[in-house]
Amino acid sequence: NVHVALLSLEPKSLSPIDWSMSDVVSYFTAAGFPEQAAAFRTQEIDGKSLLLMQRSDVLTGLSIKLGPALKIYEHHVKALQKIHFEVEEL
Protein backbone atom coordinates (compact mmCIF):
# COMPACT_ATOMS: atom_id res chain seq x y z
CA ASN A 1 0.00 0.00 0.00
CA VAL A 2 1.51 3.31 -1.11
CA HIS A 3 0.09 5.26 1.86
CA VAL A 4 1.62 2.83 4.35
CA ALA A 5 5.02 3.14 2.64
CA LEU A 6 4.81 6.92 2.52
CA LEU A 7 3.80 7.21 6.16
CA SER A 8 6.53 4.87 7.34
CA LEU A 9 9.18 7.54 6.63
CA GLU A 10 11.78 4.81 6.26
CA PRO A 11 14.66 5.43 3.87
CA LYS A 12 13.82 2.19 2.06
CA SER A 13 10.48 3.69 0.96
CA LEU A 14 10.23 5.50 -2.33
CA SER A 15 12.72 8.35 -2.16
CA PRO A 16 11.03 11.76 -1.91
CA ILE A 17 13.31 13.12 -4.63
CA ASP A 18 11.48 10.87 -7.10
CA TRP A 19 7.98 11.87 -5.98
CA SER A 20 5.63 13.45 -8.48
CA MET A 21 3.28 16.25 -7.54
CA SER A 22 0.58 13.60 -7.00
CA ASP A 23 2.86 11.64 -4.65
CA VAL A 24 3.44 14.78 -2.56
CA VAL A 25 -0.31 15.46 -2.40
CA SER A 26 -1.00 11.81 -1.51
CA TYR A 27 1.64 11.88 1.21
CA PHE A 28 0.19 14.96 2.94
CA THR A 29 -3.37 13.69 2.50
CA ALA A 30 -2.42 10.37 4.12
CA ALA A 31 -0.53 12.23 6.86
CA GLY A 32 -3.78 13.95 7.87
CA PHE A 33 -3.51 17.22 5.97
CA PRO A 34 -5.96 16.84 3.06
CA GLU A 35 -6.88 20.55 2.92
CA GLN A 36 -3.26 21.65 3.02
CA ALA A 37 -2.25 18.99 0.48
CA ALA A 38 -4.19 20.95 -2.14
CA ALA A 39 -1.78 23.88 -1.62
CA PHE A 40 1.12 21.67 -2.67
CA ARG A 41 -0.75 20.82 -5.88
CA THR A 42 -1.62 24.50 -6.52
CA GLN A 43 2.04 25.46 -6.10
CA GLU A 44 3.14 22.46 -8.23
CA ILE A 45 5.43 21.04 -5.52
CA ASP A 46 7.02 17.74 -6.51
CA GLY A 47 9.55 15.73 -4.51
CA LYS A 48 12.58 17.73 -5.64
CA SER A 49 10.84 20.99 -4.76
CA LEU A 50 9.71 19.57 -1.42
CA LEU A 51 13.27 18.67 -0.45
CA LEU A 52 14.41 22.23 -1.24
CA MET A 53 11.66 23.96 0.76
CA GLN A 54 12.68 26.13 3.66
CA ARG A 55 10.59 26.99 6.71
CA SER A 56 9.49 30.33 5.23
CA ASP A 57 8.36 28.62 2.01
CA VAL A 58 5.98 26.39 3.96
CA LEU A 59 4.81 29.06 6.42
CA THR A 60 4.17 31.86 3.92
CA GLY A 61 4.54 30.51 0.39
CA LEU A 62 1.74 27.95 0.50
CA SER A 63 -0.99 30.23 1.90
CA ILE A 64 -2.05 27.75 4.57
CA LYS A 65 -2.86 28.41 8.23
CA LEU A 66 0.10 28.83 10.54
CA GLY A 67 -0.69 25.89 12.88
CA PRO A 68 -0.90 23.22 10.18
CA ALA A 69 2.00 24.84 8.29
CA LEU A 70 4.26 24.53 11.34
CA LYS A 71 3.29 20.88 11.83
CA ILE A 72 3.81 20.12 8.15
CA TYR A 73 7.25 21.73 8.17
CA GLU A 74 8.52 20.45 11.52
CA HIS A 75 7.12 16.91 11.40
CA HIS A 76 7.15 16.15 7.69
CA VAL A 77 9.18 18.40 5.39
CA LYS A 78 12.13 18.61 7.80
CA ALA A 79 11.95 14.88 8.54
CA LEU A 80 11.87 13.96 4.85
CA GLN A 81 14.81 16.27 4.15
CA LYS A 82 16.79 14.81 7.05
CA ILE A 83 16.17 11.24 5.91
CA HIS A 84 16.95 12.02 2.28
CA PHE A 85 20.16 13.95 2.88
CA GLU A 86 21.45 11.48 5.52
CA VAL A 87 20.89 8.55 3.16
CA GLU A 88 22.57 10.43 0.30
CA GLU A 89 25.69 11.01 2.42
CA LEU A 90 26.19 7.30 3.23
C-alpha atoms as a PDB file:
ATOM      1  CA  ASN A   1       0.000   0.000   0.000  1.00  0.00           C
ATOM      2  CA  VAL A   2       1.507   3.312  -1.107  1.00  0.00           C
ATOM      3  CA  HIS A   3       0.092   5.258   1.862  1.00  0.00           C
ATOM      4  CA  VAL A   4       1.621   2.835   4.351  1.00  0.00           C
ATOM      5  CA  ALA A   5       5.019   3.141   2.645  1.00  0.00           C
ATOM      6  CA  LEU A   6       4.807   6.920   2.522  1.00  0.00           C
ATOM      7  CA  LEU A   7       3.795   7.207   6.155  1.00  0.00           C
ATOM      8  CA  SER A   8       6.533   4.867   7.339  1.00  0.00           C
ATOM      9  CA  LEU A   9       9.182   7.539   6.629  1.00  0.00           C
ATOM     10  CA  GLU A  10      11.782   4.813   6.257  1.00  0.00           C
ATOM     11  CA  PRO A  11      14.661   5.426   3.873  1.00  0.00           C
ATOM     12  CA  LYS A  12      13.818   2.190   2.058  1.00  0.00           C
ATOM     13  CA  SER A  13      10.481   3.688   0.965  1.00  0.00           C
ATOM     14  CA  LEU A  14      10.230   5.499  -2.331  1.00  0.00           C
ATOM     15  CA  SER A  15      12.719   8.352  -2.156  1.00  0.00           C
ATOM     16  CA  PRO A  16      11.028  11.764  -1.906  1.00  0.00           C
ATOM     17  CA  ILE A  17      13.305  13.121  -4.634  1.00  0.00           C
ATOM     18  CA  ASP A  18      11.477  10.866  -7.098  1.00  0.00           C
ATOM     19  CA  TRP A  19       7.983  11.873  -5.976  1.00  0.00           C
ATOM     20  CA  SER A  20       5.635  13.446  -8.481  1.00  0.00           C
ATOM     21  CA  MET A  21       3.280  16.255  -7.538  1.00  0.00           C
ATOM     22  CA  SER A  22       0.580  13.600  -6.996  1.00  0.00           C
ATOM     23  CA  ASP A  23       2.860  11.638  -4.653  1.00  0.00           C
ATOM     24  CA  VAL A  24       3.440  14.782  -2.559  1.00  0.00           C
ATOM     25  CA  VAL A  25      -0.315  15.456  -2.404  1.00  0.00           C
ATOM     26  CA  SER A  26      -1.001  11.807  -1.506  1.00  0.00           C
ATOM     27  CA  TYR A  27       1.640  11.880   1.212  1.00  0.00           C
ATOM     28  CA  PHE A  28       0.190  14.957   2.939  1.00  0.00           C
ATOM     29  CA  THR A  29      -3.375  13.689   2.504  1.00  0.00           C
ATOM     30  CA  ALA A  30      -2.419  10.368   4.124  1.00  0.00           C
ATOM     31  CA  ALA A  31      -0.525  12.233   6.859  1.00  0.00           C
ATOM     32  CA  GLY A  32      -3.776  13.951   7.871  1.00  0.00           C
ATOM     33  CA  PHE A  33      -3.506  17.224   5.966  1.00  0.00           C
ATOM     34  CA  PRO A  34      -5.961  16.840   3.063  1.00  0.00           C
ATOM     35  CA  GLU A  35      -6.877  20.545   2.921  1.00  0.00           C
ATOM     36  CA  GLN A  36      -3.262  21.647   3.017  1.00  0.00           C
ATOM     37  CA  ALA A  37      -2.248  18.994   0.476  1.00  0.00           C
ATOM     38  CA  ALA A  38      -4.186  20.954  -2.144  1.00  0.00           C
ATOM     39  CA  ALA A  39      -1.784  23.884  -1.621  1.00  0.00           C
ATOM     40  CA  PHE A  40       1.121  21.669  -2.667  1.00  0.00           C
ATOM     41  CA  ARG A  41      -0.752  20.823  -5.879  1.00  0.00           C
ATOM     42  CA  THR A  42      -1.617  24.497  -6.516  1.00  0.00           C
ATOM     43  CA  GLN A  43       2.044  25.463  -6.104  1.00  0.00           C
ATOM     44  CA  GLU A  44       3.139  22.461  -8.226  1.00  0.00           C
ATOM     45  CA  ILE A  45       5.430  21.043  -5.524  1.00  0.00           C
ATOM     46  CA  ASP A  46       7.024  17.738  -6.510  1.00  0.00           C
ATOM     47  CA  GLY A  47       9.553  15.733  -4.510  1.00  0.00           C
ATOM     48  CA  LYS A  48      12.585  17.726  -5.640  1.00  0.00           C
ATOM     49  CA  SER A  49      10.843  20.994  -4.761  1.00  0.00           C
ATOM     50  CA  LEU A  50       9.709  19.574  -1.424  1.00  0.00           C
ATOM     51  CA  LEU A  51      13.272  18.671  -0.454  1.00  0.00           C
ATOM     52  CA  LEU A  52      14.411  22.231  -1.235  1.00  0.00           C
ATOM     53  CA  MET A  53      11.665  23.963   0.757  1.00  0.00           C
ATOM     54  CA  GLN A  54      12.684  26.126   3.664  1.00  0.00           C
ATOM     55  CA  ARG A  55      10.591  26.986   6.709  1.00  0.00           C
ATOM     56  CA  SER A  56       9.488  30.331   5.230  1.00  0.00           C
ATOM     57  CA  ASP A  57       8.361  28.617   2.010  1.00  0.00           C
ATOM     58  CA  VAL A  58       5.985  26.391   3.957  1.00  0.00           C
ATOM     59  CA  LEU A  59       4.805  29.058   6.415  1.00  0.00           C
ATOM     60  CA  THR A  60       4.171  31.855   3.920  1.00  0.00           C
ATOM     61  CA  GLY A  61       4.541  30.511   0.388  1.00  0.00           C
ATOM     62  CA  LEU A  62       1.742  27.950   0.504  1.00  0.00           C
ATOM     63  CA  SER A  63      -0.987  30.225   1.898  1.00  0.00           C
ATOM     64  CA  ILE A  64      -2.050  27.747   4.571  1.00  0.00           C
ATOM     65  CA  LYS A  65      -2.865  28.409   8.226  1.00  0.00           C
ATOM     66  CA  LEU A  66       0.101  28.825  10.542  1.00  0.00           C
ATOM     67  CA  GLY A  67      -0.691  25.891  12.876  1.00  0.00           C
ATOM     68  CA  PRO A  68      -0.898  23.222  10.177  1.00  0.00           C
ATOM     69  CA  ALA A  69       1.996  24.843   8.286  1.00  0.00           C
ATOM     70  CA  LEU A  70       4.261  24.531  11.341  1.00  0.00           C
ATOM     71  CA  LYS A  71       3.290  20.877  11.833  1.00  0.00           C
ATOM     72  CA  ILE A  72       3.810  20.122   8.154  1.00  0.00           C
ATOM     73  CA  TYR A  73       7.247  21.732   8.168  1.00  0.00           C
ATOM     74  CA  GLU A  74       8.516  20.453  11.515  1.00  0.00           C
ATOM     75  CA  HIS A  75       7.122  16.912  11.396  1.00  0.00           C
ATOM     76  CA  HIS A  76       7.146  16.145   7.694  1.00  0.00           C
ATOM     77  CA  VAL A  77       9.183  18.399   5.391  1.00  0.00           C
ATOM     78  CA  LYS A  78      12.134  18.614   7.804  1.00  0.00           C
ATOM     79  CA  ALA A  79      11.952  14.880   8.539  1.00  0.00           C
ATOM     80  CA  LEU A  80      11.875  13.955   4.848  1.00  0.00           C
ATOM     81  CA  GLN A  81      14.813  16.269   4.153  1.00  0.00           C
ATOM     82  CA  LYS A  82      16.787  14.809   7.052  1.00  0.00           C
ATOM     83  CA  ILE A  83      16.166  11.239   5.907  1.00  0.00           C
ATOM     84  CA  HIS A  84      16.947  12.020   2.278  1.00  0.00           C
ATOM     85  CA  PHE A  85      20.160  13.951   2.884  1.00  0.00           C
ATOM     86  CA  GLU A  86      21.448  11.483   5.516  1.00  0.00           C
ATOM     87  CA  VAL A  87      20.887   8.551   3.161  1.00  0.00           C
ATOM     88  CA  GLU A  88      22.573  10.428   0.297  1.00  0.00           C
ATOM     89  CA  GLU A  89      25.686  11.011   2.423  1.00  0.00           C
ATOM     90  CA  LEU A  90      26.190   7.303   3.227  1.00  0.00           C
END
